[in-house]
Protein backbone atom coordinates (compact mmCIF):
# COMPACT_ATOMS: atom_id res chain seq x y z
CA UNK A 1 0.00 0.00 0.00
CA UNK A 2 1.32 3.44 -0.90
CA UNK A 3 1.13 6.18 1.65
CA UNK A 4 1.13 9.75 0.33
CA UNK A 5 2.47 11.57 3.33
CA UNK A 6 5.74 12.81 4.67
CA UNK A 7 7.61 10.86 7.29
CA UNK A 8 9.92 12.02 10.07
CA UNK A 9 13.05 11.28 8.02
CA UNK A 10 11.94 13.64 5.25
CA UNK A 11 10.92 16.31 7.73
CA UNK A 12 14.35 16.02 9.39
CA UNK A 13 16.07 16.39 6.00
CA UNK A 14 14.06 19.53 5.28
CA UNK A 15 14.89 20.96 8.70
CA UNK A 16 18.59 20.20 8.20
CA UNK A 17 18.50 21.86 4.78
CA UNK A 18 16.85 24.95 6.24
CA UNK A 19 19.63 25.15 8.80
CA UNK A 20 22.34 24.62 6.17
CA UNK A 21 20.87 27.41 4.05
CA UNK A 22 20.47 29.57 7.18
CA UNK A 23 16.78 29.94 6.47
CA UNK A 24 13.95 30.17 8.95
CA UNK A 25 10.53 28.67 8.41
CA UNK A 26 9.31 32.22 7.81
CA UNK A 27 11.97 32.68 5.11
CA UNK A 28 10.80 29.47 3.47
CA UNK A 29 7.17 30.58 3.68
CA UNK A 30 7.99 33.85 1.91
CA UNK A 31 10.02 31.98 -0.73
CA UNK A 32 7.08 29.76 -1.68
CA UNK A 33 4.23 32.18 -1.10
CA UNK A 34 2.75 30.38 1.89
CA UNK A 35 2.12 31.42 5.47
CA UNK A 36 4.53 30.47 8.25
CA UNK A 37 1.64 28.54 9.79
CA UNK A 38 1.34 26.37 6.67
CA UNK A 39 5.05 25.55 6.86
CA UNK A 40 4.75 24.67 10.54
CA UNK A 41 1.77 22.39 9.85
CA UNK A 42 3.70 20.61 7.11
CA UNK A 43 6.90 20.20 9.10
CA UNK A 44 5.12 19.21 12.29
CA UNK A 45 2.80 16.69 10.59
CA UNK A 46 -0.08 19.02 11.18
CA UNK A 47 -3.74 19.01 10.40
CA UNK A 48 -5.39 20.07 7.14
CA UNK A 49 -3.29 17.70 5.04
CA UNK A 50 -0.10 19.68 5.59
CA UNK A 51 2.00 16.62 4.99
CA UNK A 52 0.41 15.48 1.76
CA UNK A 53 2.10 15.29 -1.62
CA UNK A 54 1.77 17.22 -3.85
CA UNK A 55 0.74 20.54 -2.46
CA UNK A 56 2.93 22.42 -0.09
CA UNK A 57 5.61 19.71 -0.09
CA UNK A 58 6.34 20.16 -3.79
CA UNK A 59 7.03 23.85 -3.17
CA UNK A 60 9.10 23.20 -0.02
CA UNK A 61 11.34 20.67 -1.74
CA UNK A 62 11.82 22.88 -4.80
CA UNK A 63 12.69 25.94 -2.71
CA UNK A 64 15.34 23.97 -0.84
CA UNK A 65 16.77 22.25 -3.92
CA UNK A 66 15.69 18.84 -2.63
CA UNK A 67 13.96 16.02 -4.45
CA UNK A 68 11.87 13.19 -3.15
CA UNK A 69 12.92 9.71 -4.22
CA UNK A 70 11.52 6.28 -3.49
CA UNK A 71 13.49 3.14 -2.77
CA UNK A 72 12.28 -0.43 -2.83
CA UNK A 73 12.15 -1.86 0.68
CA UNK A 74 13.52 -5.34 0.29
CA UNK A 75 12.97 -6.15 3.95
CA UNK A 76 16.63 -6.84 4.58
PDB file of N, CA and C in Angstrom:
ATOM      1  N   UNK A   1       0.840  -1.184   0.000  1.00  0.00           N
ATOM      2  CA  UNK A   1       0.000   0.000   0.000  1.00  0.00           C
ATOM      3  C   UNK A   1       0.882   1.244   0.000  1.00  0.00           C
ATOM      4  N   UNK A   2       0.582   2.193  -0.864  1.00  0.00           N
ATOM      5  CA  UNK A   2       1.321   3.444  -0.905  1.00  0.00           C
ATOM      6  C   UNK A   2       0.713   4.430   0.081  1.00  0.00           C
ATOM      7  N   UNK A   3       1.569   5.169   0.717  1.00  0.00           N
ATOM      8  CA  UNK A   3       1.126   6.183   1.653  1.00  0.00           C
ATOM      9  C   UNK A   3       1.644   7.524   1.147  1.00  0.00           C
ATOM     10  N   UNK A   4       0.758   8.467   0.904  1.00  0.00           N
ATOM     11  CA  UNK A   4       1.133   9.748   0.330  1.00  0.00           C
ATOM     12  C   UNK A   4       1.294  10.803   1.398  1.00  0.00           C
ATOM     13  N   UNK A   5       2.201  10.598   2.295  1.00  0.00           N
ATOM     14  CA  UNK A   5       2.474  11.569   3.335  1.00  0.00           C
ATOM     15  C   UNK A   5       3.969  11.690   3.550  1.00  0.00           C
ATOM     16  N   UNK A   6       4.341  12.626   4.360  1.00  0.00           N
ATOM     17  CA  UNK A   6       5.745  12.812   4.669  1.00  0.00           C
ATOM     18  C   UNK A   6       6.056  12.114   5.979  1.00  0.00           C
ATOM     19  N   UNK A   7       7.233  11.515   6.054  1.00  0.00           N
ATOM     20  CA  UNK A   7       7.614  10.861   7.290  1.00  0.00           C
ATOM     21  C   UNK A   7       8.643  11.711   8.045  1.00  0.00           C
ATOM     22  N   UNK A   8       8.998  11.250   9.224  1.00  0.00           N
ATOM     23  CA  UNK A   8       9.918  12.015  10.069  1.00  0.00           C
ATOM     24  C   UNK A   8      11.292  12.181   9.430  1.00  0.00           C
ATOM     25  N   UNK A   9      11.738  11.198   8.674  1.00  0.00           N
ATOM     26  CA  UNK A   9      13.049  11.281   8.024  1.00  0.00           C
ATOM     27  C   UNK A   9      13.082  12.423   7.006  1.00  0.00           C
ATOM     28  N   UNK A  10      12.018  12.562   6.246  1.00  0.00           N
ATOM     29  CA  UNK A  10      11.944  13.636   5.247  1.00  0.00           C
ATOM     30  C   UNK A  10      11.836  14.990   5.940  1.00  0.00           C
ATOM     31  N   UNK A  11      11.028  15.056   6.983  1.00  0.00           N
ATOM     32  CA  UNK A  11      10.917  16.311   7.732  1.00  0.00           C
ATOM     33  C   UNK A  11      12.267  16.708   8.323  1.00  0.00           C
ATOM     34  N   UNK A  12      13.023  15.739   8.826  1.00  0.00           N
ATOM     35  CA  UNK A  12      14.351  16.017   9.389  1.00  0.00           C
ATOM     36  C   UNK A  12      15.303  16.519   8.309  1.00  0.00           C
ATOM     37  N   UNK A  13      15.222  15.943   7.109  1.00  0.00           N
ATOM     38  CA  UNK A  13      16.073  16.392   6.002  1.00  0.00           C
ATOM     39  C   UNK A  13      15.742  17.831   5.616  1.00  0.00           C
ATOM     40  N   UNK A  14      14.469  18.164   5.603  1.00  0.00           N
ATOM     41  CA  UNK A  14      14.058  19.527   5.283  1.00  0.00           C
ATOM     42  C   UNK A  14      14.560  20.488   6.360  1.00  0.00           C
ATOM     43  N   UNK A  15      14.418  20.115   7.611  1.00  0.00           N
ATOM     44  CA  UNK A  15      14.886  20.964   8.703  1.00  0.00           C
ATOM     45  C   UNK A  15      16.399  21.167   8.636  1.00  0.00           C
ATOM     46  N   UNK A  16      17.134  20.094   8.327  1.00  0.00           N
ATOM     47  CA  UNK A  16      18.586  20.205   8.196  1.00  0.00           C
ATOM     48  C   UNK A  16      18.967  21.115   7.038  1.00  0.00           C
ATOM     49  N   UNK A  17      18.217  21.015   5.937  1.00  0.00           N
ATOM     50  CA  UNK A  17      18.498  21.855   4.776  1.00  0.00           C
ATOM     51  C   UNK A  17      18.220  23.320   5.088  1.00  0.00           C
ATOM     52  N   UNK A  18      17.138  23.578   5.819  1.00  0.00           N
ATOM     53  CA  UNK A  18      16.847  24.951   6.237  1.00  0.00           C
ATOM     54  C   UNK A  18      18.013  25.505   7.043  1.00  0.00           C
ATOM     55  N   UNK A  19      18.508  24.714   7.976  1.00  0.00           N
ATOM     56  CA  UNK A  19      19.633  25.151   8.805  1.00  0.00           C
ATOM     57  C   UNK A  19      20.877  25.389   7.957  1.00  0.00           C
ATOM     58  N   UNK A  20      21.156  24.475   7.033  1.00  0.00           N
ATOM     59  CA  UNK A  20      22.338  24.617   6.171  1.00  0.00           C
ATOM     60  C   UNK A  20      22.269  25.877   5.313  1.00  0.00           C
ATOM     61  N   UNK A  21      21.053  26.217   4.874  1.00  0.00           N
ATOM     62  CA  UNK A  21      20.868  27.414   4.048  1.00  0.00           C
ATOM     63  C   UNK A  21      20.662  28.664   4.908  1.00  0.00           C
ATOM     64  N   UNK A  22      20.694  28.476   6.232  1.00  0.00           N
ATOM     65  CA  UNK A  22      20.472  29.573   7.177  1.00  0.00           C
ATOM     66  C   UNK A  22      19.141  30.275   6.919  1.00  0.00           C
ATOM     67  N   UNK A  23      18.134  29.446   6.708  1.00  0.00           N
ATOM     68  CA  UNK A  23      16.776  29.937   6.470  1.00  0.00           C
ATOM     69  C   UNK A  23      15.894  29.582   7.655  1.00  0.00           C
ATOM     70  N   UNK A  24      14.974  30.463   7.959  1.00  0.00           N
ATOM     71  CA  UNK A  24      13.954  30.165   8.954  1.00  0.00           C
ATOM     72  C   UNK A  24      12.735  29.619   8.236  1.00  0.00           C
ATOM     73  N   UNK A  25      11.787  29.118   9.004  1.00  0.00           N
ATOM     74  CA  UNK A  25      10.531  28.674   8.412  1.00  0.00           C
ATOM     75  C   UNK A  25       9.799  29.858   7.785  1.00  0.00           C
ATOM     76  N   UNK A  26       9.930  31.023   8.389  1.00  0.00           N
ATOM     77  CA  UNK A  26       9.310  32.223   7.811  1.00  0.00           C
ATOM     78  C   UNK A  26       9.954  32.577   6.478  1.00  0.00           C
ATOM     79  N   UNK A  27      11.282  32.443   6.387  1.00  0.00           N
ATOM     80  CA  UNK A  27      11.970  32.682   5.113  1.00  0.00           C
ATOM     81  C   UNK A  27      11.442  31.731   4.042  1.00  0.00           C
ATOM     82  N   UNK A  28      11.304  30.473   4.406  1.00  0.00           N
ATOM     83  CA  UNK A  28      10.795  29.469   3.471  1.00  0.00           C
ATOM     84  C   UNK A  28       9.377  29.810   3.040  1.00  0.00           C
ATOM     85  N   UNK A  29       8.558  30.216   4.002  1.00  0.00           N
ATOM     86  CA  UNK A  29       7.172  30.579   3.683  1.00  0.00           C
ATOM     87  C   UNK A  29       7.138  31.709   2.656  1.00  0.00           C
ATOM     88  N   UNK A  30       7.946  32.731   2.865  1.00  0.00           N
ATOM     89  CA  UNK A  30       7.990  33.849   1.908  1.00  0.00           C
ATOM     90  C   UNK A  30       8.469  33.369   0.539  1.00  0.00           C
ATOM     91  N   UNK A  31       9.450  32.467   0.530  1.00  0.00           N
ATOM     92  CA  UNK A  31      10.020  31.979  -0.732  1.00  0.00           C
ATOM     93  C   UNK A  31       9.007  31.220  -1.577  1.00  0.00           C
ATOM     94  N   UNK A  32       8.049  30.558  -0.921  1.00  0.00           N
ATOM     95  CA  UNK A  32       7.085  29.756  -1.680  1.00  0.00           C
ATOM     96  C   UNK A  32       5.682  30.339  -1.659  1.00  0.00           C
ATOM     97  N   UNK A  33       5.536  31.513  -1.090  1.00  0.00           N
ATOM     98  CA  UNK A  33       4.235  32.177  -1.104  1.00  0.00           C
ATOM     99  C   UNK A  33       3.196  31.546  -0.192  1.00  0.00           C
ATOM    100  N   UNK A  34       3.650  30.987   0.907  1.00  0.00           N
ATOM    101  CA  UNK A  34       2.753  30.378   1.895  1.00  0.00           C
ATOM    102  C   UNK A  34       2.897  31.113   3.215  1.00  0.00           C
ATOM    103  N   UNK A  35       2.015  30.816   4.147  1.00  0.00           N
ATOM    104  CA  UNK A  35       2.117  31.417   5.474  1.00  0.00           C
ATOM    105  C   UNK A  35       3.080  30.593   6.333  1.00  0.00           C
ATOM    106  N   UNK A  36       3.683  31.236   7.320  1.00  0.00           N
ATOM    107  CA  UNK A  36       4.527  30.468   8.248  1.00  0.00           C
ATOM    108  C   UNK A  36       3.746  29.343   8.931  1.00  0.00           C
ATOM    109  N   UNK A  37       2.462  29.572   9.171  1.00  0.00           N
ATOM    110  CA  UNK A  37       1.644  28.537   9.795  1.00  0.00           C
ATOM    111  C   UNK A  37       1.525  27.302   8.898  1.00  0.00           C
ATOM    112  N   UNK A  38       1.422  27.507   7.598  1.00  0.00           N
ATOM    113  CA  UNK A  38       1.340  26.369   6.670  1.00  0.00           C
ATOM    114  C   UNK A  38       2.627  25.558   6.696  1.00  0.00           C
ATOM    115  N   UNK A  39       3.762  26.241   6.781  1.00  0.00           N
ATOM    116  CA  UNK A  39       5.052  25.550   6.859  1.00  0.00           C
ATOM    117  C   UNK A  39       5.123  24.750   8.159  1.00  0.00           C
ATOM    118  N   UNK A  40       4.726  25.364   9.249  1.00  0.00           N
ATOM    119  CA  UNK A  40       4.747  24.674  10.540  1.00  0.00           C
ATOM    120  C   UNK A  40       3.862  23.445  10.519  1.00  0.00           C
ATOM    121  N   UNK A  41       2.668  23.557   9.948  1.00  0.00           N
ATOM    122  CA  UNK A  41       1.775  22.387   9.851  1.00  0.00           C
ATOM    123  C   UNK A  41       2.437  21.272   9.055  1.00  0.00           C
ATOM    124  N   UNK A  42       3.064  21.623   7.951  1.00  0.00           N
ATOM    125  CA  UNK A  42       3.700  20.606   7.108  1.00  0.00           C
ATOM    126  C   UNK A  42       4.870  19.946   7.838  1.00  0.00           C
ATOM    127  N   UNK A  43       5.709  20.747   8.454  1.00  0.00           N
ATOM    128  CA  UNK A  43       6.903  20.198   9.095  1.00  0.00           C
ATOM    129  C   UNK A  43       6.613  19.527  10.425  1.00  0.00           C
ATOM    130  N   UNK A  44       5.489  19.832  11.016  1.00  0.00           N
ATOM    131  CA  UNK A  44       5.125  19.210  12.292  1.00  0.00           C
ATOM    132  C   UNK A  44       4.054  18.151  12.114  1.00  0.00           C
ATOM    133  N   UNK A  45       3.821  17.708  10.886  1.00  0.00           N
ATOM    134  CA  UNK A  45       2.805  16.695  10.590  1.00  0.00           C
ATOM    135  C   UNK A  45       1.435  17.162  11.039  1.00  0.00           C
ATOM    136  N   UNK A  46       1.127  18.385  10.681  1.00  0.00           N
ATOM    137  CA  UNK A  46      -0.081  19.023  11.179  1.00  0.00           C
ATOM    138  C   UNK A  46      -1.359  18.607  10.503  1.00  0.00           C
ATOM    139  N   UNK A  47      -2.406  19.268  10.917  1.00  0.00           N
ATOM    140  CA  UNK A  47      -3.740  19.013  10.395  1.00  0.00           C
ATOM    141  C   UNK A  47      -3.892  19.608   9.003  1.00  0.00           C
ATOM    142  N   UNK A  48      -5.048  19.493   8.440  1.00  0.00           N
ATOM    143  CA  UNK A  48      -5.394  20.073   7.141  1.00  0.00           C
ATOM    144  C   UNK A  48      -4.551  19.535   5.998  1.00  0.00           C
ATOM    145  N   UNK A  49      -4.041  18.305   6.134  1.00  0.00           N
ATOM    146  CA  UNK A  49      -3.291  17.703   5.038  1.00  0.00           C
ATOM    147  C   UNK A  49      -1.953  18.340   4.778  1.00  0.00           C
ATOM    148  N   UNK A  50      -1.379  19.001   5.775  1.00  0.00           N
ATOM    149  CA  UNK A  50      -0.104  19.685   5.593  1.00  0.00           C
ATOM    150  C   UNK A  50       1.004  18.791   5.103  1.00  0.00           C
ATOM    151  N   UNK A  51       0.933  17.513   5.391  1.00  0.00           N
ATOM    152  CA  UNK A  51       2.000  16.616   4.995  1.00  0.00           C
ATOM    153  C   UNK A  51       1.750  15.875   3.701  1.00  0.00           C
ATOM    154  N   UNK A  52       0.734  16.217   2.975  1.00  0.00           N
ATOM    155  CA  UNK A  52       0.409  15.479   1.764  1.00  0.00           C
ATOM    156  C   UNK A  52       1.256  15.929   0.580  1.00  0.00           C
ATOM    157  N   UNK A  53       1.424  15.011  -0.360  1.00  0.00           N
ATOM    158  CA  UNK A  53       2.100  15.286  -1.619  1.00  0.00           C
ATOM    159  C   UNK A  53       1.070  15.160  -2.709  1.00  0.00           C
ATOM    160  N   UNK A  54       0.981  15.991  -3.737  1.00  0.00           N
ATOM    161  CA  UNK A  54       1.769  17.217  -3.854  1.00  0.00           C
ATOM    162  C   UNK A  54       1.220  18.271  -2.923  1.00  0.00           C
ATOM    163  N   UNK A  55       1.180  19.467  -3.323  1.00  0.00           N
ATOM    164  CA  UNK A  55       0.741  20.543  -2.462  1.00  0.00           C
ATOM    165  C   UNK A  55       1.931  21.297  -1.935  1.00  0.00           C
ATOM    166  N   UNK A  56       1.883  21.595  -0.674  1.00  0.00           N
ATOM    167  CA  UNK A  56       2.933  22.421  -0.093  1.00  0.00           C
ATOM    168  C   UNK A  56       4.299  21.735  -0.154  1.00  0.00           C
ATOM    169  N   UNK A  57       4.325  20.398  -0.080  1.00  0.00           N
ATOM    170  CA  UNK A  57       5.614  19.712  -0.086  1.00  0.00           C
ATOM    171  C   UNK A  57       6.365  19.893  -1.400  1.00  0.00           C
ATOM    172  N   UNK A  58       5.670  19.932  -2.500  1.00  0.00           N
ATOM    173  CA  UNK A  58       6.343  20.161  -3.790  1.00  0.00           C
ATOM    174  C   UNK A  58       7.076  21.493  -3.765  1.00  0.00           C
ATOM    175  N   UNK A  59       6.425  22.519  -3.245  1.00  0.00           N
ATOM    176  CA  UNK A  59       7.032  23.846  -3.174  1.00  0.00           C
ATOM    177  C   UNK A  59       8.184  23.878  -2.177  1.00  0.00           C
ATOM    178  N   UNK A  60       8.029  23.229  -1.024  1.00  0.00           N
ATOM    179  CA  UNK A  60       9.096  23.202  -0.020  1.00  0.00           C
ATOM    180  C   UNK A  60      10.346  22.550  -0.592  1.00  0.00           C
ATOM    181  N   UNK A  61      10.186  21.387  -1.198  1.00  0.00           N
ATOM    182  CA  UNK A  61      11.342  20.672  -1.740  1.00  0.00           C
ATOM    183  C   UNK A  61      12.023  21.466  -2.851  1.00  0.00           C
ATOM    184  N   UNK A  62      11.244  22.086  -3.716  1.00  0.00           N
ATOM    185  CA  UNK A  62      11.823  22.880  -4.801  1.00  0.00           C
ATOM    186  C   UNK A  62      12.584  24.080  -4.262  1.00  0.00           C
ATOM    187  N   UNK A  63      12.040  24.756  -3.266  1.00  0.00           N
ATOM    188  CA  UNK A  63      12.691  25.940  -2.705  1.00  0.00           C
ATOM    189  C   UNK A  63      14.006  25.604  -2.027  1.00  0.00           C
ATOM    190  N   UNK A  64      14.129  24.376  -1.544  1.00  0.00           N
ATOM    191  CA  UNK A  64      15.343  23.969  -0.838  1.00  0.00           C
ATOM    192  C   UNK A  64      16.257  23.115  -1.703  1.00  0.00           C
ATOM    193  N   UNK A  65      15.966  23.044  -2.991  1.00  0.00           N
ATOM    194  CA  UNK A  65      16.771  22.246  -3.924  1.00  0.00           C
ATOM    195  C   UNK A  65      16.876  20.787  -3.479  1.00  0.00           C
ATOM    196  N   UNK A  66      15.764  20.237  -3.025  1.00  0.00           N
ATOM    197  CA  UNK A  66      15.689  18.840  -2.626  1.00  0.00           C
ATOM    198  C   UNK A  66      14.742  18.105  -3.557  1.00  0.00           C
ATOM    199  N   UNK A  67      14.925  16.799  -3.689  1.00  0.00           N
ATOM    200  CA  UNK A  67      13.961  16.021  -4.450  1.00  0.00           C
ATOM    201  C   UNK A  67      13.614  14.774  -3.662  1.00  0.00           C
ATOM    202  N   UNK A  68      12.397  14.348  -3.843  1.00  0.00           N
ATOM    203  CA  UNK A  68      11.873  13.185  -3.155  1.00  0.00           C
ATOM    204  C   UNK A  68      12.093  11.970  -4.041  1.00  0.00           C
ATOM    205  N   UNK A  69      12.703  10.944  -3.477  1.00  0.00           N
ATOM    206  CA  UNK A  69      12.916   9.708  -4.219  1.00  0.00           C
ATOM    207  C   UNK A  69      12.325   8.551  -3.436  1.00  0.00           C
ATOM    208  N   UNK A  70      12.054   7.488  -4.118  1.00  0.00           N
ATOM    209  CA  UNK A  70      11.520   6.282  -3.486  1.00  0.00           C
ATOM    210  C   UNK A  70      12.495   5.144  -3.697  1.00  0.00           C
ATOM    211  N   UNK A  71      12.636   4.314  -2.683  1.00  0.00           N
ATOM    212  CA  UNK A  71      13.487   3.142  -2.768  1.00  0.00           C
ATOM    213  C   UNK A  71      12.647   1.915  -2.454  1.00  0.00           C
ATOM    214  N   UNK A  72      12.962   0.829  -3.090  1.00  0.00           N
ATOM    215  CA  UNK A  72      12.283  -0.429  -2.827  1.00  0.00           C
ATOM    216  C   UNK A  72      12.751  -0.988  -1.494  1.00  0.00           C
ATOM    217  N   UNK A  73      11.823  -1.251  -0.609  1.00  0.00           N
ATOM    218  CA  UNK A  73      12.147  -1.856   0.681  1.00  0.00           C
ATOM    219  C   UNK A  73      12.181  -3.362   0.486  1.00  0.00           C
ATOM    220  N   UNK A  74      13.375  -3.911   0.527  1.00  0.00           N
ATOM    221  CA  UNK A  74      13.521  -5.339   0.294  1.00  0.00           C
ATOM    222  C   UNK A  74      13.366  -6.149   1.570  1.00  0.00           C
ATOM    223  N   UNK A  75      13.174  -5.460   2.691  1.00  0.00           N
ATOM    224  CA  UNK A  75      12.966  -6.150   3.950  1.00  0.00           C
ATOM    225  C   UNK A  75      14.222  -6.720   4.550  1.00  0.00           C
ATOM    226  N   UNK A  76      15.350  -6.321   4.062  1.00  0.00           N
ATOM    227  CA  UNK A  76      16.634  -6.845   4.585  1.00  0.00           C
ATOM    228  C   UNK A  76      17.088  -6.070   5.770  1.00  0.00           C
TER     229      UNK A  76
END
